[in-house]
C-alpha atoms as a PDB file:
ATOM      1  CA  MET A   1       0.000   0.000   0.000  1.00  0.00           C
ATOM      2  CA  LEU A   2       1.248   3.524  -0.844  1.00  0.00           C
ATOM      3  CA  ASP A   3       2.145   5.946   1.872  1.00  0.00           C
ATOM      4  CA  ARG A   4      -0.065   8.998   1.301  1.00  0.00           C
ATOM      5  CA  LYS A   5       1.744  11.520   3.438  1.00  0.00           C
ATOM      6  CA  ASN A   6       2.096  15.078   2.199  1.00  0.00           C
ATOM      7  CA  HIS A   7       4.936  15.312  -0.406  1.00  0.00           C
ATOM      8  CA  LEU A   8       4.590  19.068  -0.911  1.00  0.00           C
ATOM      9  CA  PRO A   9       7.668  20.011   1.222  1.00  0.00           C
ATOM     10  CA  ASP A  10       9.816  17.523  -0.751  1.00  0.00           C
ATOM     11  CA  ILE A  11       8.610  18.937  -4.078  1.00  0.00           C
ATOM     12  CA  ILE A  12       9.278  22.522  -2.973  1.00  0.00           C
ATOM     13  CA  LEU A  13      12.777  21.555  -1.807  1.00  0.00           C
ATOM     14  CA  MET A  14      13.560  19.869  -5.152  1.00  0.00           C
ATOM     15  CA  LEU A  15      12.315  22.925  -7.081  1.00  0.00           C
ATOM     16  CA  LEU A  16      14.458  25.206  -4.930  1.00  0.00           C
ATOM     17  CA  ILE A  17      17.585  23.078  -5.456  1.00  0.00           C
ATOM     18  CA  THR A  18      16.931  22.980  -9.219  1.00  0.00           C
ATOM     19  CA  ALA A  19      16.488  26.765  -9.369  1.00  0.00           C
ATOM     20  CA  VAL A  20      19.752  27.357  -7.494  1.00  0.00           C
ATOM     21  CA  MET A  21      21.649  24.917  -9.718  1.00  0.00           C
ATOM     22  CA  LEU A  22      20.323  26.492 -12.911  1.00  0.00           C
ATOM     23  CA  SER A  23      21.070  30.046 -11.795  1.00  0.00           C
ATOM     24  CA  GLY A  24      24.631  29.244 -10.666  1.00  0.00           C
ATOM     25  CA  PRO A  25      26.356  29.569 -14.072  1.00  0.00           C
ATOM     26  CA  SER A  26      24.694  32.894 -14.833  1.00  0.00           C
ATOM     27  CA  LEU A  27      25.636  34.287 -11.422  1.00  0.00           C
ATOM     28  CA  ALA A  28      29.236  33.092 -11.788  1.00  0.00           C
ATOM     29  CA  GLY A  29      29.531  34.998 -15.059  1.00  0.00           C
ATOM     30  CA  GLN A  30      28.702  38.280 -13.336  1.00  0.00           C
ATOM     31  CA  GLY A  31      32.246  38.675 -11.943  1.00  0.00           C
ATOM     32  CA  LEU A  32      33.734  41.890 -10.608  1.00  0.00           C
ATOM     33  CA  TYR A  33      33.438  43.903 -13.812  1.00  0.00           C
ATOM     34  CA  SER A  34      30.897  46.602 -14.492  1.00  0.00           C
ATOM     35  CA  SER A  35      28.233  45.925 -17.091  1.00  0.00           C
ATOM     36  CA  SER A  36      29.957  48.280 -19.550  1.00  0.00           C
ATOM     37  CA  GLU A  37      33.064  46.022 -19.562  1.00  0.00           C
ATOM     38  CA  THR A  38      31.238  42.725 -19.851  1.00  0.00           C
ATOM     39  CA  GLY A  39      31.941  40.963 -23.109  1.00  0.00           C
ATOM     40  CA  GLN A  40      34.689  43.331 -24.245  1.00  0.00           C
ATOM     41  CA  ALA A  41      37.851  41.627 -25.476  1.00  0.00           C
ATOM     42  CA  LEU A  42      41.209  42.482 -23.954  1.00  0.00           C
ATOM     43  CA  ILE A  43      42.620  43.562 -27.294  1.00  0.00           C
ATOM     44  CA  ARG A  44      44.391  46.811 -28.111  1.00  0.00           C
ATOM     45  CA  LYS A  45      44.800  47.922 -31.723  1.00  0.00           C
ATOM     46  CA  TYR A  46      47.846  50.024 -32.613  1.00  0.00           C
ATOM     47  CA  SER A  47      47.922  52.254 -35.669  1.00  0.00           C
ATOM     48  CA  SER A  48      50.973  52.462 -37.921  1.00  0.00           C
ATOM     49  CA  ARG A  49      51.459  56.001 -36.591  1.00  0.00           C
ATOM     50  CA  GLU A  50      51.794  54.662 -33.056  1.00  0.00           C
ATOM     51  CA  TYR A  51      54.429  52.079 -33.906  1.00  0.00           C
ATOM     52  CA  GLY A  52      56.133  54.195 -36.568  1.00  0.00           C
ATOM     53  CA  ALA A  53      56.389  51.747 -39.467  1.00  0.00           C
ATOM     54  CA  GLY A  54      54.479  50.391 -42.465  1.00  0.00           C
ATOM     55  CA  THR A  55      50.864  49.283 -42.518  1.00  0.00           C
ATOM     56  CA  GLN A  56      51.515  45.577 -43.191  1.00  0.00           C
ATOM     57  CA  ASN A  57      52.545  43.248 -40.388  1.00  0.00           C
ATOM     58  CA  TRP A  58      53.591  39.749 -41.424  1.00  0.00           C
ATOM     59  CA  ALA A  59      54.652  37.962 -38.252  1.00  0.00           C
ATOM     60  CA  VAL A  60      54.383  38.314 -34.469  1.00  0.00           C
ATOM     61  CA  LEU A  61      56.498  36.590 -31.829  1.00  0.00           C
ATOM     62  CA  GLN A  62      56.883  36.952 -28.059  1.00  0.00           C
ATOM     63  CA  ASP A  63      60.237  36.007 -26.550  1.00  0.00           C
ATOM     64  CA  ARG A  64      60.871  34.482 -23.128  1.00  0.00           C
ATOM     65  CA  ARG A  65      61.233  37.922 -21.539  1.00  0.00           C
ATOM     66  CA  GLY A  66      57.788  38.995 -22.772  1.00  0.00           C
ATOM     67  CA  ILE A  67      59.087  41.309 -25.513  1.00  0.00           C
ATOM     68  CA  VAL A  68      56.885  41.234 -28.621  1.00  0.00           C
ATOM     69  CA  TYR A  69      58.503  41.354 -32.056  1.00  0.00           C
ATOM     70  CA  VAL A  70      56.514  42.315 -35.133  1.00  0.00           C
ATOM     71  CA  GLY A  71      57.744  41.601 -38.637  1.00  0.00           C
ATOM     72  CA  ASN A  72      56.643  44.636 -40.630  1.00  0.00           C
ATOM     73  CA  ASN A  73      56.950  45.391 -44.345  1.00  0.00           C
ATOM     74  CA  GLU A  74      59.415  48.205 -43.513  1.00  0.00           C
ATOM     75  CA  CYS A  75      61.373  46.845 -40.552  1.00  0.00           C
ATOM     76  CA  LEU A  76      61.416  44.632 -37.478  1.00  0.00           C
ATOM     77  CA  LEU A  77      59.625  46.206 -34.511  1.00  0.00           C
ATOM     78  CA  GLU A  78      60.128  45.540 -30.806  1.00  0.00           C
ATOM     79  CA  PHE A  79      57.387  46.244 -28.241  1.00  0.00           C
ATOM     80  CA  ASP A  80      57.951  46.039 -24.481  1.00  0.00           C
ATOM     81  CA  GLY A  81      54.309  46.609 -23.559  1.00  0.00           C
ATOM     82  CA  ARG A  82      54.714  50.360 -23.496  1.00  0.00           C
ATOM     83  CA  ASN A  83      57.189  51.533 -26.153  1.00  0.00           C
ATOM     84  CA  TRP A  84      57.774  50.633 -29.802  1.00  0.00           C
ATOM     85  CA  GLN A  85      61.283  50.557 -31.272  1.00  0.00           C
ATOM     86  CA  ARG A  86      62.680  49.731 -34.683  1.00  0.00           C
ATOM     87  CA  VAL A  87      65.317  47.014 -34.511  1.00  0.00           C
ATOM     88  CA  ARG A  88      68.434  47.879 -36.510  1.00  0.00           C
ATOM     89  CA  GLY A  89      69.850  45.468 -39.052  1.00  0.00           C
ATOM     90  CA  GLY A  90      68.634  43.633 -42.092  1.00  0.00           C
ATOM     91  CA  ASN A  91      67.718  44.939 -45.499  1.00  0.00           C
ATOM     92  CA  GLY A  92      64.266  46.278 -44.703  1.00  0.00           C
ATOM     93  CA  GLY A  93      61.101  44.309 -44.034  1.00  0.00           C
ATOM     94  CA  ALA A  94      60.847  41.280 -41.767  1.00  0.00           C
ATOM     95  CA  PHE A  95      58.390  38.675 -43.028  1.00  0.00           C
ATOM     96  CA  SER A  96      58.943  35.685 -40.755  1.00  0.00           C
ATOM     97  CA  LEU A  97      59.926  35.216 -37.118  1.00  0.00           C
ATOM     98  CA  ALA A  98      60.802  32.118 -35.111  1.00  0.00           C
ATOM     99  CA  MET A  99      62.282  31.337 -31.724  1.00  0.00           C
ATOM    100  CA  GLY A 100      64.866  28.578 -31.374  1.00  0.00           C
ATOM    101  CA  ALA A 101      65.130  26.145 -28.494  1.00  0.00           C
ATOM    102  CA  ASP A 102      67.935  28.356 -27.203  1.00  0.00           C
ATOM    103  CA  GLY A 103      65.572  31.359 -27.004  1.00  0.00           C
ATOM    104  CA  LYS A 104      67.170  33.208 -29.937  1.00  0.00           C
ATOM    105  CA  VAL A 105      64.794  35.132 -32.173  1.00  0.00           C
ATOM    106  CA  TYR A 106      65.366  34.352 -35.857  1.00  0.00           C
ATOM    107  CA  VAL A 107      64.240  36.826 -38.515  1.00  0.00           C
ATOM    108  CA  GLY A 108      63.614  36.246 -42.213  1.00  0.00           C
ATOM    109  CA  GLY A 109      63.241  39.032 -44.766  1.00  0.00           C
ATOM    110  CA  ALA A 110      63.435  39.457 -48.539  1.00  0.00           C
ATOM    111  CA  GLY A 111      66.824  37.926 -49.364  1.00  0.00           C
ATOM    112  CA  ASP A 112      67.838  38.209 -45.726  1.00  0.00           C
ATOM    113  CA  PHE A 113      68.064  35.876 -42.706  1.00  0.00           C
ATOM    114  CA  GLY A 114      69.572  36.290 -39.270  1.00  0.00           C
ATOM    115  CA  PHE A 115      68.983  36.328 -35.531  1.00  0.00           C
ATOM    116  CA  LEU A 116      68.806  38.958 -32.824  1.00  0.00           C
ATOM    117  CA  GLY A 117      71.785  39.202 -30.532  1.00  0.00           C
ATOM    118  CA  LYS A 118      71.614  40.847 -27.124  1.00  0.00           C
END
């Protein structure tokens, strides 16, 4: 024979647990940011005026120290997170960048190949 006691408290408890579980992911996404920052990517675009070189960038590489190198159609650029500098050497544009197992940054340009020495 079935027990016919009142199951209403059990049903309410299950509904409450379900509501809390379903609202958890949306509450976790709220974070510490204001609503105006929500969904905005952490990307900064630099104009060719800011970095002082051509408009075409062919390669990007970050070395072990955190320095970013950009192979540009006019030169090789170095960015420390605040300042841009042209790297001397080569015959002009830098079109490919690679880092060796030893941490050296290798640069390839039109008819040119070498590495950065510090």
